[in-house]
Amino acid sequence: MIGYFGDVIFETSSKKICTFNNMKRSISASYSDHKRYKKKSEREFEGPENQTVSFNMKFVAGHGVKPWSMVHKITLYCEKGTVCPFVVGGHKIGGGKWTIDSIDEDYKTVWNRGELVSVEIAVKATEYH
């Protein structure tokens, strides 16, 4: 197992390929700038901001996953505001809990009768406290 996001297990084996790529994590802090007469502003650290991540996933029917089921599961995470753990290589990413802000779906291959064979999704998520 590579890791997981909620119930989506990232793994590669001879029977199943379900993983992610192009993961980017943004970490930032919040500051206030206090103006001072005839002096430079004084900066005050307020605290860390919630981290954000983005990554892509590709679901292919021939790789042991059901594309419609995977897309549906991740869509529900987003639309219901589900708080999910995010772990890669046994390490919690950020505080370990995340919500999905948005999903972009790219339907690569759809066969007769609407059978989804291959889909790529781009996920954007924010750390949850």
N, C-alpha and C. Protein backbone atom coordinates (compact mmCIF):
# COMPACT_ATOMS: atom_id res chain seq x y z
N MET A 1 0.84 -1.18 0.00
CA MET A 1 0.00 0.00 0.00
C MET A 1 0.89 1.25 0.00
N ILE A 2 0.56 2.19 -0.88
CA ILE A 2 1.28 3.46 -0.97
C ILE A 2 0.74 4.43 0.07
N GLY A 3 -0.56 4.42 0.27
CA GLY A 3 -1.21 5.31 1.21
C GLY A 3 -2.71 5.29 0.99
N TYR A 4 -3.40 6.30 1.51
CA TYR A 4 -4.85 6.35 1.33
C TYR A 4 -5.37 7.76 1.56
N PHE A 5 -6.51 8.02 0.96
CA PHE A 5 -7.29 9.24 1.17
C PHE A 5 -8.70 8.76 1.46
N GLY A 6 -9.12 8.84 2.71
CA GLY A 6 -10.40 8.26 3.10
C GLY A 6 -10.38 6.77 2.84
N ASP A 7 -11.39 6.26 2.13
CA ASP A 7 -11.47 4.84 1.78
C ASP A 7 -10.78 4.50 0.46
N VAL A 8 -10.20 5.50 -0.20
CA VAL A 8 -9.49 5.26 -1.47
C VAL A 8 -8.06 4.84 -1.13
N ILE A 9 -7.77 3.57 -1.39
CA ILE A 9 -6.45 3.02 -1.08
C ILE A 9 -5.56 3.16 -2.31
N PHE A 10 -4.41 3.81 -2.12
CA PHE A 10 -3.43 3.93 -3.20
C PHE A 10 -2.54 2.69 -3.16
N GLU A 11 -2.55 1.93 -4.25
CA GLU A 11 -1.75 0.72 -4.29
C GLU A 11 -1.44 0.34 -5.73
N THR A 12 -0.37 -0.42 -5.87
CA THR A 12 -0.04 -1.01 -7.16
C THR A 12 0.30 -2.48 -6.93
N SER A 13 -0.29 -3.32 -7.74
CA SER A 13 -0.03 -4.76 -7.66
C SER A 13 -0.32 -5.36 -9.02
N SER A 14 -0.15 -6.66 -9.12
CA SER A 14 -0.44 -7.33 -10.39
C SER A 14 -1.94 -7.35 -10.69
N LYS A 15 -2.78 -7.10 -9.66
CA LYS A 15 -4.23 -7.13 -9.84
C LYS A 15 -4.88 -5.76 -9.87
N LYS A 16 -4.19 -4.75 -9.29
CA LYS A 16 -4.84 -3.45 -9.17
C LYS A 16 -3.82 -2.32 -9.21
N ILE A 17 -4.19 -1.26 -9.95
CA ILE A 17 -3.40 -0.02 -9.96
C ILE A 17 -4.35 1.11 -9.60
N CYS A 18 -4.10 1.73 -8.47
CA CYS A 18 -4.88 2.88 -8.02
C CYS A 18 -3.91 3.78 -7.28
N THR A 19 -3.45 4.81 -7.95
CA THR A 19 -2.46 5.69 -7.34
C THR A 19 -2.69 7.13 -7.81
N PHE A 20 -1.83 8.01 -7.40
CA PHE A 20 -1.96 9.42 -7.76
C PHE A 20 -0.63 9.90 -8.34
N ASN A 21 -0.66 11.07 -8.97
CA ASN A 21 0.56 11.70 -9.44
C ASN A 21 0.40 13.21 -9.40
N ASN A 22 1.50 13.90 -9.66
CA ASN A 22 1.52 15.37 -9.68
C ASN A 22 0.98 16.01 -8.40
N MET A 23 1.30 15.42 -7.26
CA MET A 23 0.84 16.01 -5.99
C MET A 23 1.63 17.27 -5.68
N LYS A 24 0.90 18.31 -5.33
CA LYS A 24 1.51 19.57 -4.90
C LYS A 24 0.89 19.95 -3.56
N ARG A 25 1.74 20.38 -2.63
CA ARG A 25 1.27 20.80 -1.31
C ARG A 25 1.68 22.24 -1.08
N SER A 26 0.76 23.07 -0.62
CA SER A 26 1.05 24.47 -0.33
C SER A 26 0.92 24.71 1.17
N ILE A 27 1.93 25.35 1.73
CA ILE A 27 1.97 25.66 3.15
C ILE A 27 2.19 27.16 3.28
N SER A 28 1.38 27.82 4.09
CA SER A 28 1.53 29.27 4.24
C SER A 28 1.19 29.71 5.65
N ALA A 29 1.50 30.96 5.94
CA ALA A 29 1.23 31.56 7.25
C ALA A 29 0.48 32.86 7.05
N SER A 30 -0.15 33.34 8.11
CA SER A 30 -0.90 34.58 8.08
C SER A 30 -0.15 35.64 8.90
N TYR A 31 -0.06 36.84 8.35
CA TYR A 31 0.60 37.96 9.02
C TYR A 31 -0.28 39.20 8.93
N SER A 32 -0.13 40.08 9.90
CA SER A 32 -0.73 41.41 9.85
C SER A 32 0.38 42.42 9.74
N ASP A 33 0.17 43.41 8.91
CA ASP A 33 1.13 44.51 8.79
C ASP A 33 0.54 45.73 9.49
N HIS A 34 1.25 46.23 10.51
CA HIS A 34 0.80 47.39 11.28
C HIS A 34 1.57 48.62 10.80
N LYS A 35 0.83 49.58 10.28
CA LYS A 35 1.46 50.80 9.79
C LYS A 35 1.95 51.64 10.97
N ARG A 36 3.15 52.25 10.76
CA ARG A 36 3.74 53.11 11.79
C ARG A 36 4.13 54.44 11.15
N TYR A 37 3.94 55.49 11.88
CA TYR A 37 4.23 56.82 11.38
C TYR A 37 5.72 56.99 11.09
N LYS A 38 6.04 57.33 9.85
CA LYS A 38 7.39 57.59 9.37
C LYS A 38 8.35 56.41 9.56
N LYS A 39 7.80 55.23 9.67
CA LYS A 39 8.62 54.02 9.79
C LYS A 39 8.02 52.94 8.91
N LYS A 40 8.80 51.93 8.65
CA LYS A 40 8.28 50.78 7.93
C LYS A 40 7.23 50.08 8.78
N SER A 41 6.31 49.42 8.09
CA SER A 41 5.28 48.66 8.82
C SER A 41 5.92 47.57 9.66
N GLU A 42 5.28 47.28 10.77
CA GLU A 42 5.73 46.19 11.64
C GLU A 42 4.88 44.97 11.35
N ARG A 43 5.52 43.87 11.16
CA ARG A 43 4.84 42.63 10.78
C ARG A 43 4.60 41.78 12.03
N GLU A 44 3.38 41.22 12.12
CA GLU A 44 3.03 40.36 13.25
C GLU A 44 2.55 39.01 12.73
N PHE A 45 3.15 37.96 13.22
CA PHE A 45 2.76 36.59 12.86
C PHE A 45 1.46 36.25 13.57
N GLU A 46 0.44 35.84 12.79
CA GLU A 46 -0.86 35.48 13.36
C GLU A 46 -1.01 33.97 13.53
N GLY A 47 -0.34 33.21 12.67
CA GLY A 47 -0.42 31.76 12.77
C GLY A 47 -0.41 31.10 11.41
N PRO A 48 -0.36 29.79 11.40
CA PRO A 48 -0.35 29.07 10.12
C PRO A 48 -1.73 29.04 9.48
N GLU A 49 -1.75 29.00 8.16
CA GLU A 49 -2.98 28.81 7.40
C GLU A 49 -3.18 27.31 7.20
N ASN A 50 -4.40 26.91 6.85
CA ASN A 50 -4.62 25.51 6.52
C ASN A 50 -3.85 25.19 5.23
N GLN A 51 -3.19 24.05 5.22
CA GLN A 51 -2.45 23.62 4.04
C GLN A 51 -3.44 23.19 2.95
N THR A 52 -2.95 23.22 1.71
CA THR A 52 -3.76 22.73 0.60
C THR A 52 -2.93 21.72 -0.20
N VAL A 53 -3.61 20.79 -0.84
CA VAL A 53 -2.95 19.84 -1.73
C VAL A 53 -3.76 19.74 -3.02
N SER A 54 -3.07 19.36 -4.07
CA SER A 54 -3.73 19.02 -5.32
C SER A 54 -3.00 17.81 -5.89
N PHE A 55 -3.74 16.92 -6.51
CA PHE A 55 -3.15 15.74 -7.14
C PHE A 55 -4.09 15.20 -8.18
N ASN A 56 -3.56 14.37 -9.06
CA ASN A 56 -4.34 13.75 -10.13
C ASN A 56 -4.42 12.25 -9.88
N MET A 57 -5.54 11.68 -10.30
CA MET A 57 -5.72 10.24 -10.23
C MET A 57 -6.27 9.77 -11.57
N LYS A 58 -5.90 8.56 -11.96
CA LYS A 58 -6.40 7.97 -13.20
C LYS A 58 -6.97 6.60 -12.85
N PHE A 59 -8.22 6.38 -13.22
CA PHE A 59 -8.88 5.10 -12.97
C PHE A 59 -9.15 4.42 -14.31
N VAL A 60 -8.61 3.23 -14.49
CA VAL A 60 -8.75 2.47 -15.73
C VAL A 60 -9.36 1.11 -15.39
N ALA A 61 -10.45 0.77 -16.07
CA ALA A 61 -11.15 -0.49 -15.79
C ALA A 61 -10.23 -1.70 -15.91
N GLY A 62 -9.34 -1.71 -16.86
CA GLY A 62 -8.43 -2.84 -17.06
C GLY A 62 -7.36 -2.97 -15.97
N HIS A 63 -7.31 -2.01 -15.06
CA HIS A 63 -6.33 -2.05 -13.98
C HIS A 63 -6.94 -2.45 -12.64
N GLY A 64 -8.08 -3.11 -12.68
CA GLY A 64 -8.66 -3.67 -11.46
C GLY A 64 -9.49 -2.70 -10.64
N VAL A 65 -9.88 -1.56 -11.20
CA VAL A 65 -10.75 -0.62 -10.49
C VAL A 65 -12.00 -0.37 -11.32
N LYS A 66 -13.03 0.11 -10.67
CA LYS A 66 -14.28 0.45 -11.35
C LYS A 66 -14.34 1.98 -11.41
N PRO A 67 -14.05 2.56 -12.59
CA PRO A 67 -13.99 4.01 -12.70
C PRO A 67 -15.23 4.75 -12.19
N TRP A 68 -16.45 4.28 -12.56
CA TRP A 68 -17.66 4.96 -12.10
C TRP A 68 -17.74 4.95 -10.57
N SER A 69 -17.42 3.83 -9.94
CA SER A 69 -17.49 3.73 -8.48
C SER A 69 -16.50 4.66 -7.81
N MET A 70 -15.29 4.73 -8.35
CA MET A 70 -14.26 5.58 -7.75
C MET A 70 -14.63 7.06 -7.87
N VAL A 71 -15.10 7.45 -9.06
CA VAL A 71 -15.50 8.84 -9.26
C VAL A 71 -16.68 9.18 -8.34
N HIS A 72 -17.63 8.28 -8.23
CA HIS A 72 -18.79 8.51 -7.37
C HIS A 72 -18.36 8.68 -5.91
N LYS A 73 -17.47 7.83 -5.43
CA LYS A 73 -17.00 7.90 -4.05
C LYS A 73 -16.34 9.24 -3.76
N ILE A 74 -15.46 9.68 -4.65
CA ILE A 74 -14.75 10.94 -4.44
C ILE A 74 -15.69 12.14 -4.58
N THR A 75 -16.65 12.03 -5.49
CA THR A 75 -17.66 13.09 -5.63
C THR A 75 -18.45 13.25 -4.35
N LEU A 76 -18.83 12.14 -3.73
CA LEU A 76 -19.57 12.21 -2.47
C LEU A 76 -18.73 12.82 -1.36
N TYR A 77 -17.43 12.51 -1.32
CA TYR A 77 -16.54 13.15 -0.33
C TYR A 77 -16.64 14.67 -0.46
N CYS A 78 -16.61 15.15 -1.69
CA CYS A 78 -16.65 16.59 -1.94
C CYS A 78 -18.02 17.17 -1.59
N GLU A 79 -19.08 16.58 -2.12
CA GLU A 79 -20.41 17.16 -1.98
C GLU A 79 -20.99 17.03 -0.57
N LYS A 80 -20.51 16.08 0.22
CA LYS A 80 -21.01 15.92 1.59
C LYS A 80 -20.07 16.53 2.63
N GLY A 81 -18.93 17.06 2.18
CA GLY A 81 -17.98 17.66 3.12
C GLY A 81 -17.34 16.65 4.05
N THR A 82 -17.13 15.45 3.55
CA THR A 82 -16.54 14.37 4.34
C THR A 82 -15.10 14.71 4.71
N VAL A 83 -14.78 14.53 5.98
CA VAL A 83 -13.42 14.75 6.46
C VAL A 83 -12.68 13.42 6.33
N CYS A 84 -11.57 13.44 5.59
CA CYS A 84 -10.84 12.21 5.26
C CYS A 84 -9.41 12.27 5.77
N PRO A 85 -8.90 11.13 6.25
CA PRO A 85 -7.47 11.07 6.54
C PRO A 85 -6.70 10.98 5.23
N PHE A 86 -5.50 11.56 5.21
CA PHE A 86 -4.63 11.50 4.02
C PHE A 86 -3.25 11.07 4.49
N VAL A 87 -2.85 9.86 4.06
CA VAL A 87 -1.59 9.27 4.49
C VAL A 87 -0.84 8.77 3.26
N VAL A 88 0.45 9.07 3.20
CA VAL A 88 1.30 8.56 2.12
C VAL A 88 2.56 7.98 2.76
N GLY A 89 2.85 6.73 2.43
CA GLY A 89 4.05 6.08 2.96
C GLY A 89 4.06 6.00 4.48
N GLY A 90 2.89 5.88 5.09
CA GLY A 90 2.81 5.79 6.55
C GLY A 90 2.90 7.14 7.25
N HIS A 91 2.99 8.23 6.49
CA HIS A 91 3.11 9.57 7.07
C HIS A 91 1.84 10.37 6.82
N LYS A 92 1.28 10.96 7.86
CA LYS A 92 0.14 11.85 7.69
C LYS A 92 0.60 13.08 6.92
N ILE A 93 -0.19 13.48 5.95
CA ILE A 93 0.09 14.70 5.21
C ILE A 93 -0.57 15.84 5.99
N GLY A 94 0.21 16.87 6.31
CA GLY A 94 -0.32 17.98 7.12
C GLY A 94 -0.80 17.46 8.45
N GLY A 95 -1.95 17.95 8.87
CA GLY A 95 -2.55 17.50 10.14
C GLY A 95 -3.22 16.14 10.03
N GLY A 96 -3.25 15.61 8.81
CA GLY A 96 -3.79 14.27 8.61
C GLY A 96 -5.24 14.22 8.19
N LYS A 97 -6.01 15.31 8.41
CA LYS A 97 -7.42 15.33 8.03
C LYS A 97 -7.65 16.39 6.95
N TRP A 98 -8.46 16.02 5.94
CA TRP A 98 -8.64 16.86 4.77
C TRP A 98 -10.09 16.84 4.29
N THR A 99 -10.49 17.91 3.63
CA THR A 99 -11.77 17.95 2.91
C THR A 99 -11.48 18.29 1.45
N ILE A 100 -12.28 17.74 0.56
CA ILE A 100 -12.09 18.00 -0.88
C ILE A 100 -12.87 19.25 -1.25
N ASP A 101 -12.15 20.20 -1.83
CA ASP A 101 -12.75 21.47 -2.27
C ASP A 101 -13.33 21.36 -3.67
N SER A 102 -12.62 20.66 -4.56
CA SER A 102 -13.10 20.56 -5.94
C SER A 102 -12.50 19.34 -6.63
N ILE A 103 -13.20 18.93 -7.67
CA ILE A 103 -12.78 17.80 -8.51
C ILE A 103 -13.02 18.19 -9.96
N ASP A 104 -12.04 17.96 -10.80
CA ASP A 104 -12.21 18.12 -12.24
C ASP A 104 -12.07 16.75 -12.87
N GLU A 105 -13.07 16.35 -13.65
CA GLU A 105 -13.07 15.02 -14.26
C GLU A 105 -12.83 15.13 -15.76
N ASP A 106 -12.02 14.22 -16.26
CA ASP A 106 -11.71 14.16 -17.69
C ASP A 106 -11.99 12.72 -18.15
N TYR A 107 -13.14 12.53 -18.81
CA TYR A 107 -13.56 11.20 -19.25
C TYR A 107 -12.78 10.85 -20.51
N LYS A 108 -11.78 9.98 -20.37
CA LYS A 108 -10.87 9.64 -21.47
C LYS A 108 -11.48 8.63 -22.43
N THR A 109 -12.07 7.56 -21.90
CA THR A 109 -12.62 6.50 -22.76
C THR A 109 -13.97 6.05 -22.23
N VAL A 110 -15.00 6.20 -23.08
CA VAL A 110 -16.35 5.73 -22.75
C VAL A 110 -16.79 4.85 -23.91
N TRP A 111 -17.18 3.63 -23.59
CA TRP A 111 -17.62 2.69 -24.62
C TRP A 111 -19.13 2.74 -24.80
N ASN A 112 -19.60 1.88 -25.71
CA ASN A 112 -21.02 1.77 -26.00
C ASN A 112 -21.83 1.59 -24.71
N ARG A 113 -23.00 2.19 -24.68
CA ARG A 113 -23.90 2.13 -23.53
C ARG A 113 -23.35 2.85 -22.29
N GLY A 114 -22.40 3.75 -22.49
CA GLY A 114 -21.90 4.58 -21.39
C GLY A 114 -20.95 3.91 -20.43
N GLU A 115 -20.34 2.81 -20.85
CA GLU A 115 -19.39 2.13 -19.97
C GLU A 115 -18.10 2.97 -19.89
N LEU A 116 -17.84 3.48 -18.68
CA LEU A 116 -16.64 4.29 -18.47
C LEU A 116 -15.44 3.38 -18.30
N VAL A 117 -14.48 3.51 -19.19
CA VAL A 117 -13.30 2.66 -19.19
C VAL A 117 -12.11 3.36 -18.55
N SER A 118 -11.98 4.66 -18.81
CA SER A 118 -10.84 5.40 -18.30
C SER A 118 -11.23 6.84 -17.98
N VAL A 119 -10.86 7.29 -16.79
CA VAL A 119 -11.16 8.66 -16.38
C VAL A 119 -9.98 9.20 -15.56
N GLU A 120 -9.68 10.47 -15.76
CA GLU A 120 -8.66 11.14 -14.95
C GLU A 120 -9.35 12.22 -14.15
N ILE A 121 -8.98 12.33 -12.88
CA ILE A 121 -9.56 13.38 -12.05
C ILE A 121 -8.46 14.19 -11.40
N ALA A 122 -8.73 15.48 -11.23
CA ALA A 122 -7.82 16.38 -10.52
C ALA A 122 -8.54 16.77 -9.24
N VAL A 123 -7.88 16.56 -8.10
CA VAL A 123 -8.48 16.81 -6.79
C VAL A 123 -7.75 17.98 -6.12
N LYS A 124 -8.54 18.88 -5.52
CA LYS A 124 -7.98 19.94 -4.68
C LYS A 124 -8.60 19.78 -3.31
N ALA A 125 -7.75 19.76 -2.28
CA ALA A 125 -8.23 19.53 -0.92
C ALA A 125 -7.55 20.50 0.05
N THR A 126 -8.23 20.74 1.18
CA THR A 126 -7.73 21.64 2.21
C THR A 126 -7.70 20.92 3.55
N GLU A 127 -6.66 21.18 4.29
CA GLU A 127 -6.47 20.61 5.63
C GLU A 127 -7.65 21.01 6.51
N TYR A 128 -8.07 20.10 7.36
CA TYR A 128 -9.25 20.32 8.21
C TYR A 128 -8.84 20.22 9.68
N HIS A 129 -9.24 21.21 10.47
CA HIS A 129 -8.96 21.17 11.93
C HIS A 129 -10.23 21.34 12.70
